[in-house]
Amino acid sequence: MTTDPILDPGYKGYPRTEAPRALSTIGSAGWHVLDGRLPLPLAVLKRSALSHNLAWMQAFVRERGIDLAPHGKTTMSPQLFTRQLDTGAWGLSFATVTQLAVGVQAGARRTLIANQVVTDDDLAGIQALLAAHASLRVVFLVDSTAQLALIEQWFAAHPGSQPFEVMLEIGVPGARTGCRTHEEATALARALHASPATRLAGIECYEGMGATGRTEHDAAYADALMTRVEAIAKLCAEDSLFAHDEVLLSAGGSAIFDLVAGRLTPLLGRPVRGLLRSGCYITHDHGNYKRLLASVAERCGFTETLQPALEVWAAVQSRPEPGLAILTCGRRDISYDQEMPIPFARAPRGMPAPQAIPASWTVTALNDQHAFLRWDAADEATAPVVGERVGLGISHPCTTFDKWHWMPIVEDDYRVTDAVTLHF
């Protein structure tokens, strides 16, 4: 991975009539998303919204006396990692060792793998990164003695390796990973402390799978989980099971992070560093997180929260029947795991500025390369025409990022002023 890669027409979204360019020169090319020179579909990032979101989330954690270790799996963009770190993030989180390596190359030195590490190759990969970067810290999750046995087996076969820093994960029945009972967590904490292969650095959980957007439910769910986290953290502190003076306590997706933020610095008789791992905040969205953040704003009294920064623009390629337009955007270009893309603007051919759309415009289905845009009969007079452009918002940004290798960064008037690469 180079720090300034060369982009060319082989990249989806790169103009076919332009010569190859270094990433750092994209902003000086004079491109504009809506002047017809860039191929569609095209995923773009709004610079003003990115800047707002970075500053907003950093202020959120700062005001609560905790830190941010945003999840890099959202974007897998070295350029966006740098922005997050430069804005004040304590470190970065990842889901895999492969993702971790990209983050380390981008400059991250405090890192979490918010996942269990179990394979020989991944354990060896962590050791190789630690050996290559003297200042690097890697902490990953453990939730069973079976996993610990695999770590110990690898460690015993590789003398001279550094003990692995780990966090014990507390889980929820029916959800993902993590210890289900206090007794299970207690036994594992003692085993991690006793093992020559591991150093217990802290306690971790993930509350996002319980998020509904209904405060009464979400607050009770988060409170119960964080009470369990605090209980095992206090036991580990009292029994001197933690390897370091400073204890890491980590939680946080991008849905109900406000409900766990205040529980990340319990009194343990030693320093505690609370780490929020929210990742999708950097781009937010037009659907799922927009609805969930409305509840966060109501609970916290915020007059503003995050802004959608990620958009996909497509062209109308066909009007095959009344009430239906087919767009040049499909499952290969935009996320659909939470819900269909959300139309938010139009730009008639020859018009470089977005315009409002009727409220009835709705994407009802996606094929690999096509989106089905429909509207009410009452809006037929303002229906889209072949050749015009339609802006689509997304609901859950992660699975739009992994469909692109690069994205331009645009101003609010859609001038291209920068770009990022994505490494999935």
Protein backbone atom coordinates (compact mmCIF):
# COMPACT_ATOMS: atom_id res chain seq x y z
CA MET A 1 0.00 0.00 0.00
CA THR A 2 1.57 3.28 -1.12
CA THR A 3 0.81 6.57 0.56
CA ASP A 4 0.07 8.31 -2.76
CA PRO A 5 -1.26 5.67 -5.18
CA ILE A 6 -1.85 6.28 -8.86
CA LEU A 7 -5.51 6.14 -9.91
CA ASP A 8 -6.53 5.46 -13.50
CA PRO A 9 -9.59 4.54 -15.60
CA GLY A 10 -9.34 0.98 -14.32
CA TYR A 11 -10.87 2.23 -11.04
CA LYS A 12 -14.66 2.36 -10.98
CA GLY A 13 -15.72 6.00 -10.90
CA TYR A 14 -12.51 7.34 -12.46
CA PRO A 15 -13.15 9.27 -15.71
CA ARG A 16 -12.30 7.17 -18.75
CA THR A 17 -10.96 10.10 -20.76
CA GLU A 18 -8.50 11.26 -18.10
CA ALA A 19 -4.88 10.22 -17.76
CA PRO A 20 -3.77 8.44 -14.57
CA ARG A 21 -3.26 10.72 -11.59
CA ALA A 22 -1.67 10.45 -8.17
CA LEU A 23 -4.25 10.53 -5.39
CA SER A 24 -2.73 13.75 -4.06
CA THR A 25 -3.43 15.56 -7.34
CA ILE A 26 -7.12 14.63 -7.69
CA GLY A 27 -8.18 17.84 -5.98
CA SER A 28 -6.42 19.97 -8.59
CA ALA A 29 -8.00 18.23 -11.60
CA GLY A 30 -10.96 20.60 -11.76
CA TRP A 31 -13.55 17.83 -11.67
CA HIS A 32 -17.19 18.27 -10.73
CA VAL A 33 -19.56 15.42 -9.92
CA LEU A 34 -22.51 16.93 -11.83
CA ASP A 35 -20.93 18.49 -14.91
CA GLY A 36 -20.94 15.25 -16.90
CA ARG A 37 -17.22 14.50 -16.87
CA LEU A 38 -17.25 11.82 -14.19
CA PRO A 39 -18.80 8.39 -14.80
CA LEU A 40 -21.85 7.36 -12.84
CA PRO A 41 -22.58 5.74 -10.48
CA LEU A 42 -20.13 7.51 -8.21
CA ALA A 43 -19.82 7.40 -4.44
CA VAL A 44 -18.66 10.69 -2.92
CA LEU A 45 -17.82 12.10 0.50
CA LYS A 46 -18.90 15.62 1.52
CA ARG A 47 -15.93 17.41 3.06
CA SER A 48 -17.97 19.74 5.26
CA ALA A 49 -19.96 16.87 6.77
CA LEU A 50 -16.81 14.81 7.38
CA SER A 51 -15.18 17.73 9.20
CA HIS A 52 -18.31 18.34 11.25
CA ASN A 53 -18.64 14.69 12.26
CA LEU A 54 -14.99 14.33 13.21
CA ALA A 55 -15.16 17.40 15.45
CA TRP A 56 -18.59 16.52 16.89
CA MET A 57 -17.64 13.03 18.04
CA GLN A 58 -14.30 14.16 19.42
CA ALA A 59 -16.10 16.83 21.46
CA PHE A 60 -18.61 14.22 22.66
CA VAL A 61 -15.96 11.95 24.17
CA ARG A 62 -13.86 14.83 25.49
CA GLU A 63 -16.82 16.26 27.42
CA ARG A 64 -17.38 12.84 29.05
CA GLY A 65 -13.76 12.27 30.04
CA ILE A 66 -13.25 9.30 27.76
CA ASP A 67 -11.38 8.62 24.52
CA LEU A 68 -12.20 7.52 21.01
CA ALA A 69 -10.78 4.46 19.25
CA PRO A 70 -12.99 4.53 16.13
CA HIS A 71 -13.63 1.32 14.25
CA GLY A 72 -11.56 1.35 11.06
CA LYS A 73 -13.62 -1.40 9.41
CA THR A 74 -16.23 1.22 8.52
CA THR A 75 -14.10 2.88 5.85
CA MET A 76 -10.76 1.04 5.64
CA SER A 77 -9.36 4.31 4.32
CA PRO A 78 -5.83 5.31 5.37
CA GLN A 79 -6.61 8.94 4.59
CA LEU A 80 -9.67 8.91 6.83
CA PHE A 81 -7.72 7.08 9.55
CA THR A 82 -5.24 9.95 9.49
CA ARG A 83 -8.03 12.51 9.83
CA GLN A 84 -9.46 10.65 12.81
CA LEU A 85 -6.10 10.45 14.55
CA ASP A 86 -5.24 14.07 13.75
CA THR A 87 -8.58 15.17 15.22
CA GLY A 88 -7.67 13.54 18.51
CA ALA A 89 -8.59 9.85 18.45
CA TRP A 90 -6.62 7.86 21.05
CA GLY A 91 -6.18 5.01 18.58
CA LEU A 92 -8.07 2.86 16.08
CA SER A 93 -10.09 -0.34 16.28
CA PHE A 94 -10.23 -3.12 13.69
CA ALA A 95 -12.00 -6.42 13.19
CA THR A 96 -9.16 -8.46 11.67
CA VAL A 97 -5.38 -8.60 11.60
CA THR A 98 -5.46 -7.78 7.88
CA GLN A 99 -7.34 -4.57 8.67
CA LEU A 100 -4.92 -3.88 11.52
CA ALA A 101 -1.96 -4.01 9.14
CA VAL A 102 -3.54 -1.32 6.94
CA GLY A 103 -4.09 0.88 9.98
CA VAL A 104 -0.55 0.41 11.23
CA GLN A 105 0.83 1.36 7.82
CA ALA A 106 -1.35 4.47 7.97
CA GLY A 107 0.29 5.46 11.27
CA ALA A 108 -1.89 3.97 14.01
CA ARG A 109 0.14 2.93 17.05
CA ARG A 110 -2.57 2.31 19.66
CA THR A 111 -4.89 -0.34 18.29
CA LEU A 112 -7.67 -2.67 19.32
CA ILE A 113 -8.89 -5.73 17.47
CA ALA A 114 -12.49 -5.76 18.63
CA ASN A 115 -12.77 -9.43 17.85
CA GLN A 116 -11.40 -12.78 18.90
CA VAL A 117 -8.05 -13.84 17.41
CA VAL A 118 -7.77 -17.64 17.12
CA THR A 119 -5.69 -18.70 14.10
CA ASP A 120 -1.95 -19.31 13.96
CA ASP A 121 -1.52 -16.95 11.01
CA ASP A 122 -3.27 -14.08 12.81
CA LEU A 123 -1.26 -14.59 15.99
CA ALA A 124 1.93 -14.66 13.94
CA GLY A 125 0.79 -11.56 12.07
CA ILE A 126 0.36 -9.61 15.29
CA GLN A 127 3.81 -10.63 16.48
CA ALA A 128 5.33 -9.59 13.14
CA LEU A 129 3.72 -6.14 13.40
CA LEU A 130 4.88 -5.75 17.01
CA ALA A 131 8.42 -6.69 16.02
CA ALA A 132 8.43 -4.23 13.12
CA HIS A 133 7.04 -1.26 15.11
CA ALA A 134 8.55 -0.75 18.54
CA SER A 135 5.87 1.75 19.62
CA LEU A 136 2.92 -0.36 18.47
CA ARG A 137 0.27 -1.55 20.92
CA VAL A 138 -2.20 -4.26 19.85
CA VAL A 139 -4.96 -5.44 22.16
CA PHE A 140 -7.48 -8.10 21.08
CA LEU A 141 -10.48 -9.83 22.63
CA VAL A 142 -10.70 -13.17 24.43
CA ASP A 143 -13.98 -14.76 25.50
CA SER A 144 -13.21 -18.41 26.25
CA THR A 145 -10.66 -20.77 27.72
CA ALA A 146 -10.79 -22.65 24.40
CA GLN A 147 -9.46 -19.53 22.65
CA LEU A 148 -6.87 -19.05 25.38
CA ALA A 149 -5.67 -22.63 24.86
CA LEU A 150 -5.03 -21.91 21.17
CA ILE A 151 -3.10 -18.76 22.06
CA GLU A 152 -1.00 -20.65 24.61
CA GLN A 153 -0.30 -23.44 22.14
CA TRP A 154 0.99 -20.97 19.55
CA PHE A 155 2.96 -19.01 22.15
CA ALA A 156 4.69 -22.12 23.47
CA ALA A 157 5.73 -23.07 19.94
CA HIS A 158 7.27 -19.63 19.29
CA PRO A 159 9.78 -18.82 22.05
CA GLY A 160 10.82 -15.20 22.22
CA SER A 161 7.36 -13.89 21.30
CA GLN A 162 5.80 -11.07 23.29
CA PRO A 163 2.85 -11.96 25.50
CA PHE A 164 -0.38 -10.86 23.85
CA GLU A 165 -2.32 -7.96 25.34
CA VAL A 166 -5.98 -8.91 25.60
CA MET A 167 -9.31 -7.63 26.83
CA LEU A 168 -11.93 -9.93 28.28
CA GLU A 169 -15.21 -9.59 26.37
CA ILE A 170 -18.59 -9.55 28.10
CA GLY A 171 -21.39 -10.75 25.81
CA VAL A 172 -25.17 -10.97 25.75
CA PRO A 173 -27.20 -14.17 25.30
CA GLY A 174 -28.37 -14.52 21.73
CA ALA A 175 -25.97 -11.85 20.48
CA ARG A 176 -22.42 -12.23 19.21
CA THR A 177 -19.25 -13.14 21.07
CA GLY A 178 -18.40 -12.59 24.73
CA CYS A 179 -18.75 -14.34 28.09
CA ARG A 180 -22.41 -14.95 28.94
CA THR A 181 -22.15 -15.23 32.74
CA HIS A 182 -20.21 -13.57 35.52
CA GLU A 183 -18.87 -16.94 36.62
CA GLU A 184 -17.56 -17.69 33.14
CA ALA A 185 -15.92 -14.25 32.92
CA THR A 186 -14.36 -14.62 36.38
CA ALA A 187 -12.80 -17.98 35.54
CA LEU A 188 -11.47 -16.65 32.24
CA ALA A 189 -10.02 -13.51 33.87
CA ARG A 190 -8.08 -15.65 36.33
CA ALA A 191 -6.84 -17.91 33.53
CA LEU A 192 -5.72 -14.91 31.45
CA HIS A 193 -3.86 -13.48 34.44
CA ALA A 194 -2.12 -16.80 35.12
CA SER A 195 -1.15 -17.49 31.52
CA PRO A 196 2.37 -16.63 30.33
CA ALA A 197 0.91 -15.98 26.87
CA THR A 198 -1.46 -13.14 27.78
CA ARG A 199 -1.61 -9.87 29.67
CA LEU A 200 -5.09 -8.77 30.74
CA ALA A 201 -5.41 -5.11 29.76
CA GLY A 202 -9.10 -4.49 30.33
CA ILE A 203 -12.75 -5.35 29.76
CA GLU A 204 -14.80 -4.89 26.59
CA CYS A 205 -18.37 -5.20 25.37
CA TYR A 206 -20.54 -4.27 22.39
CA GLU A 207 -24.00 -2.89 23.02
CA GLY A 208 -25.06 -2.13 19.45
CA MET A 209 -26.98 -5.33 18.76
CA GLY A 210 -29.56 -4.30 21.34
CA ALA A 211 -30.28 -0.89 19.82
CA THR A 212 -33.89 -0.23 18.81
CA GLY A 213 -34.17 3.56 18.90
CA ARG A 214 -36.65 3.28 21.79
CA THR A 215 -35.01 4.90 24.80
CA GLU A 216 -36.84 2.92 27.48
CA HIS A 217 -35.66 -0.38 25.98
CA ASP A 218 -32.19 0.78 24.95
CA ALA A 219 -31.36 2.40 28.29
CA ALA A 220 -32.32 -0.74 30.22
CA TYR A 221 -30.36 -2.94 27.82
CA ALA A 222 -27.20 -0.80 28.00
CA ASP A 223 -27.44 -0.40 31.76
CA ALA A 224 -27.67 -4.15 32.33
CA LEU A 225 -24.69 -4.83 30.09
CA MET A 226 -22.51 -2.10 31.57
CA THR A 227 -23.39 -3.24 35.11
CA ARG A 228 -21.96 -6.65 34.21
CA VAL A 229 -18.86 -5.02 32.71
CA GLU A 230 -18.31 -2.95 35.84
CA ALA A 231 -18.75 -5.97 38.10
CA ILE A 232 -16.06 -8.03 36.38
CA ALA A 233 -13.78 -4.98 36.13
CA LYS A 234 -14.06 -4.41 39.89
CA LEU A 235 -13.34 -8.07 40.61
CA CYS A 236 -10.25 -8.00 38.38
CA ALA A 237 -9.01 -4.81 40.03
CA GLU A 238 -9.60 -6.10 43.56
CA ASP A 239 -7.83 -9.38 42.79
CA SER A 240 -4.97 -7.66 40.91
CA LEU A 241 -5.68 -9.54 37.68
CA PHE A 242 -4.95 -6.60 35.38
CA ALA A 243 -1.45 -6.47 33.95
CA HIS A 244 -1.08 -2.68 33.92
CA ASP A 245 -1.85 0.15 36.28
CA GLU A 246 -4.17 1.73 33.68
CA VAL A 247 -7.24 -0.36 32.83
CA LEU A 248 -8.93 -0.16 29.42
CA LEU A 249 -12.73 -0.27 29.37
CA SER A 250 -14.28 -0.23 25.93
CA ALA A 251 -17.76 -0.25 24.39
CA GLY A 252 -19.60 1.54 21.70
CA GLY A 253 -21.14 1.14 18.29
CA SER A 254 -22.68 4.07 16.43
CA ALA A 255 -26.29 3.71 17.60
CA ILE A 256 -26.63 4.13 21.40
CA PHE A 257 -23.10 5.16 22.31
CA ASP A 258 -24.42 7.84 24.65
CA LEU A 259 -25.90 5.16 26.90
CA VAL A 260 -22.53 3.48 27.52
CA ALA A 261 -20.22 6.51 27.44
CA GLY A 262 -20.99 7.49 31.02
CA ARG A 263 -20.22 3.99 32.31
CA LEU A 264 -16.70 3.64 30.91
CA THR A 265 -14.78 5.14 33.84
CA PRO A 266 -15.92 3.31 37.00
CA LEU A 267 -13.96 3.72 40.21
CA LEU A 268 -11.49 0.84 40.32
CA GLY A 269 -8.82 2.26 42.59
CA ARG A 270 -6.55 2.78 39.60
CA PRO A 271 -6.61 4.83 36.36
CA VAL A 272 -9.30 3.81 33.86
CA ARG A 273 -9.24 4.79 30.19
CA GLY A 274 -12.70 4.57 28.67
CA LEU A 275 -12.63 3.89 24.95
CA LEU A 276 -15.61 4.39 22.67
CA ARG A 277 -15.27 2.47 19.39
CA SER A 278 -17.96 4.09 17.23
CA GLY A 279 -17.01 3.91 13.54
CA CYS A 280 -19.94 4.97 11.35
CA TYR A 281 -20.05 8.43 12.91
CA ILE A 282 -17.49 9.68 10.40
CA THR A 283 -20.00 9.58 7.54
CA HIS A 284 -23.28 8.93 9.40
CA ASP A 285 -26.13 8.10 6.97
CA HIS A 286 -29.56 9.09 5.64
CA GLY A 287 -31.55 6.24 7.23
CA ASN A 288 -30.76 3.84 10.06
CA TYR A 289 -28.29 5.97 12.02
CA LYS A 290 -30.22 9.15 11.27
CA ARG A 291 -33.22 7.67 13.07
CA LEU A 292 -31.17 6.29 15.96
CA LEU A 293 -29.28 9.57 16.45
CA ALA A 294 -32.58 11.38 16.79
CA SER A 295 -33.06 9.41 20.02
CA VAL A 296 -29.51 10.27 21.13
CA ALA A 297 -30.24 13.95 20.52
CA GLU A 298 -33.46 13.74 22.54
CA ARG A 299 -31.73 12.02 25.47
CA CYS A 300 -28.77 14.40 25.50
CA GLY A 301 -30.55 17.62 24.58
CA PHE A 302 -28.49 18.13 21.42
CA THR A 303 -29.70 20.65 18.87
CA GLU A 304 -27.49 19.05 16.24
CA THR A 305 -25.78 15.71 15.88
CA LEU A 306 -24.04 14.09 12.93
CA GLN A 307 -24.47 14.86 9.24
CA PRO A 308 -24.66 12.42 6.29
CA ALA A 309 -21.38 12.63 4.40
CA LEU A 310 -21.62 9.63 2.04
CA GLU A 311 -23.70 9.81 -1.15
CA VAL A 312 -23.97 7.79 -4.35
CA TRP A 313 -24.98 9.57 -7.54
CA ALA A 314 -26.53 7.64 -10.43
CA ALA A 315 -28.11 8.43 -13.79
CA VAL A 316 -31.60 7.65 -15.05
CA GLN A 317 -31.00 5.18 -17.87
CA SER A 318 -34.55 4.13 -18.70
CA ARG A 319 -38.22 5.03 -18.20
CA PRO A 320 -39.70 1.69 -19.35
CA GLU A 321 -43.21 2.22 -17.96
CA PRO A 322 -45.28 4.82 -16.07
CA GLY A 323 -44.17 5.32 -12.50
CA LEU A 324 -40.80 3.57 -12.94
CA ALA A 325 -37.28 4.75 -13.68
CA ILE A 326 -34.22 2.53 -13.80
CA LEU A 327 -31.03 4.03 -12.34
CA THR A 328 -27.42 3.09 -13.11
CA CYS A 329 -26.73 1.93 -9.56
CA GLY A 330 -27.12 -1.48 -7.99
CA ARG A 331 -25.97 -3.88 -5.32
CA ARG A 332 -22.39 -3.61 -6.58
CA ASP A 333 -22.38 0.12 -5.86
CA ILE A 334 -24.44 0.90 -2.77
CA SER A 335 -25.44 -0.68 0.54
CA TYR A 336 -28.77 -2.45 0.94
CA ASP A 337 -28.25 -4.56 4.07
CA GLN A 338 -30.38 -2.28 6.28
CA GLU A 339 -32.79 -0.86 3.73
CA MET A 340 -32.97 0.38 0.14
CA PRO A 341 -31.07 3.53 -0.89
CA ILE A 342 -32.86 6.78 -0.11
CA PRO A 343 -33.29 9.34 -2.95
CA PHE A 344 -32.66 12.87 -1.70
CA ALA A 345 -31.92 15.08 -4.73
CA ARG A 346 -31.97 15.32 -8.51
CA ALA A 347 -29.78 17.15 -11.03
CA PRO A 348 -31.22 17.46 -14.54
CA ARG A 349 -28.75 16.99 -17.36
CA GLY A 350 -26.78 20.19 -17.88
CA MET A 351 -27.56 21.46 -14.37
CA PRO A 352 -24.55 21.25 -11.99
CA ALA A 353 -26.58 21.90 -8.82
CA PRO A 354 -28.90 19.49 -6.99
CA GLN A 355 -32.61 20.16 -6.76
CA ALA A 356 -35.30 18.93 -4.39
CA ILE A 357 -37.33 15.84 -5.24
CA PRO A 358 -40.94 14.86 -4.52
CA ALA A 359 -41.37 13.00 -1.24
CA SER A 360 -42.84 9.98 -3.02
CA TRP A 361 -39.62 9.07 -4.85
CA THR A 362 -38.59 5.67 -3.49
CA VAL A 363 -36.12 2.97 -4.46
CA THR A 364 -38.06 -0.26 -4.19
CA ALA A 365 -35.50 -2.83 -5.41
CA LEU A 366 -31.92 -3.32 -6.55
CA ASN A 367 -30.35 -5.65 -9.09
CA ASP A 368 -26.59 -6.02 -9.47
CA GLN A 369 -26.33 -2.87 -11.63
CA HIS A 370 -29.81 -1.31 -11.50
CA ALA A 371 -32.04 0.52 -9.03
CA PHE A 372 -35.83 0.66 -9.39
CA LEU A 373 -37.04 4.19 -8.65
CA ARG A 374 -40.81 4.65 -8.27
CA TRP A 375 -43.15 7.55 -7.37
CA ASP A 376 -46.82 8.31 -6.80
CA ALA A 377 -49.08 8.96 -9.77
CA ALA A 378 -49.70 12.47 -8.42
CA ASP A 379 -46.01 13.25 -9.02
CA GLU A 380 -45.93 12.08 -12.64
CA ALA A 381 -45.58 15.65 -13.90
CA THR A 382 -42.25 15.96 -12.08
CA ALA A 383 -41.04 12.44 -12.83
CA PRO A 384 -37.35 11.90 -13.63
CA VAL A 385 -36.25 11.87 -17.26
CA VAL A 386 -33.66 9.77 -19.01
CA GLY A 387 -30.19 11.25 -18.57
CA GLU A 388 -30.75 13.20 -15.38
CA ARG A 389 -28.89 12.39 -12.18
CA VAL A 390 -30.33 11.23 -8.86
CA GLY A 391 -28.56 11.49 -5.52
CA LEU A 392 -28.97 8.49 -3.25
CA GLY A 393 -28.41 8.38 0.48
CA ILE A 394 -27.52 5.19 2.28
CA SER A 395 -28.64 3.38 5.41
CA HIS A 396 -25.58 1.91 7.15
CA PRO A 397 -22.40 3.12 5.44
CA CYS A 398 -20.07 0.15 5.96
CA THR A 399 -21.24 -1.92 3.03
CA THR A 400 -21.09 0.97 0.59
CA PHE A 401 -17.43 1.60 1.35
CA ASP A 402 -16.42 -1.96 0.52
CA LYS A 403 -17.84 -1.63 -3.00
CA TRP A 404 -15.33 1.05 -4.03
CA HIS A 405 -11.54 1.36 -4.22
CA TRP A 406 -11.54 5.16 -4.09
CA MET A 407 -13.96 8.02 -3.45
CA PRO A 408 -13.66 11.71 -4.29
CA ILE A 409 -14.14 14.24 -1.52
CA VAL A 410 -16.40 17.06 -2.65
CA GLU A 411 -17.40 20.51 -1.50
CA ASP A 412 -21.05 21.34 -0.91
CA ASP A 413 -21.29 22.50 -4.55
CA TYR A 414 -19.90 19.10 -5.68
CA ARG A 415 -16.49 20.32 -6.82
CA VAL A 416 -13.95 17.55 -6.29
CA THR A 417 -11.18 18.82 -3.99
CA ASP A 418 -9.62 15.65 -2.61
CA ALA A 419 -9.93 11.86 -2.61
CA VAL A 420 -9.41 8.79 -0.45
CA THR A 421 -8.58 5.17 -1.15
CA LEU A 422 -10.29 2.16 0.43
CA HIS A 423 -8.58 -1.12 1.26
CA PHE A 424 -10.94 -4.02 1.82
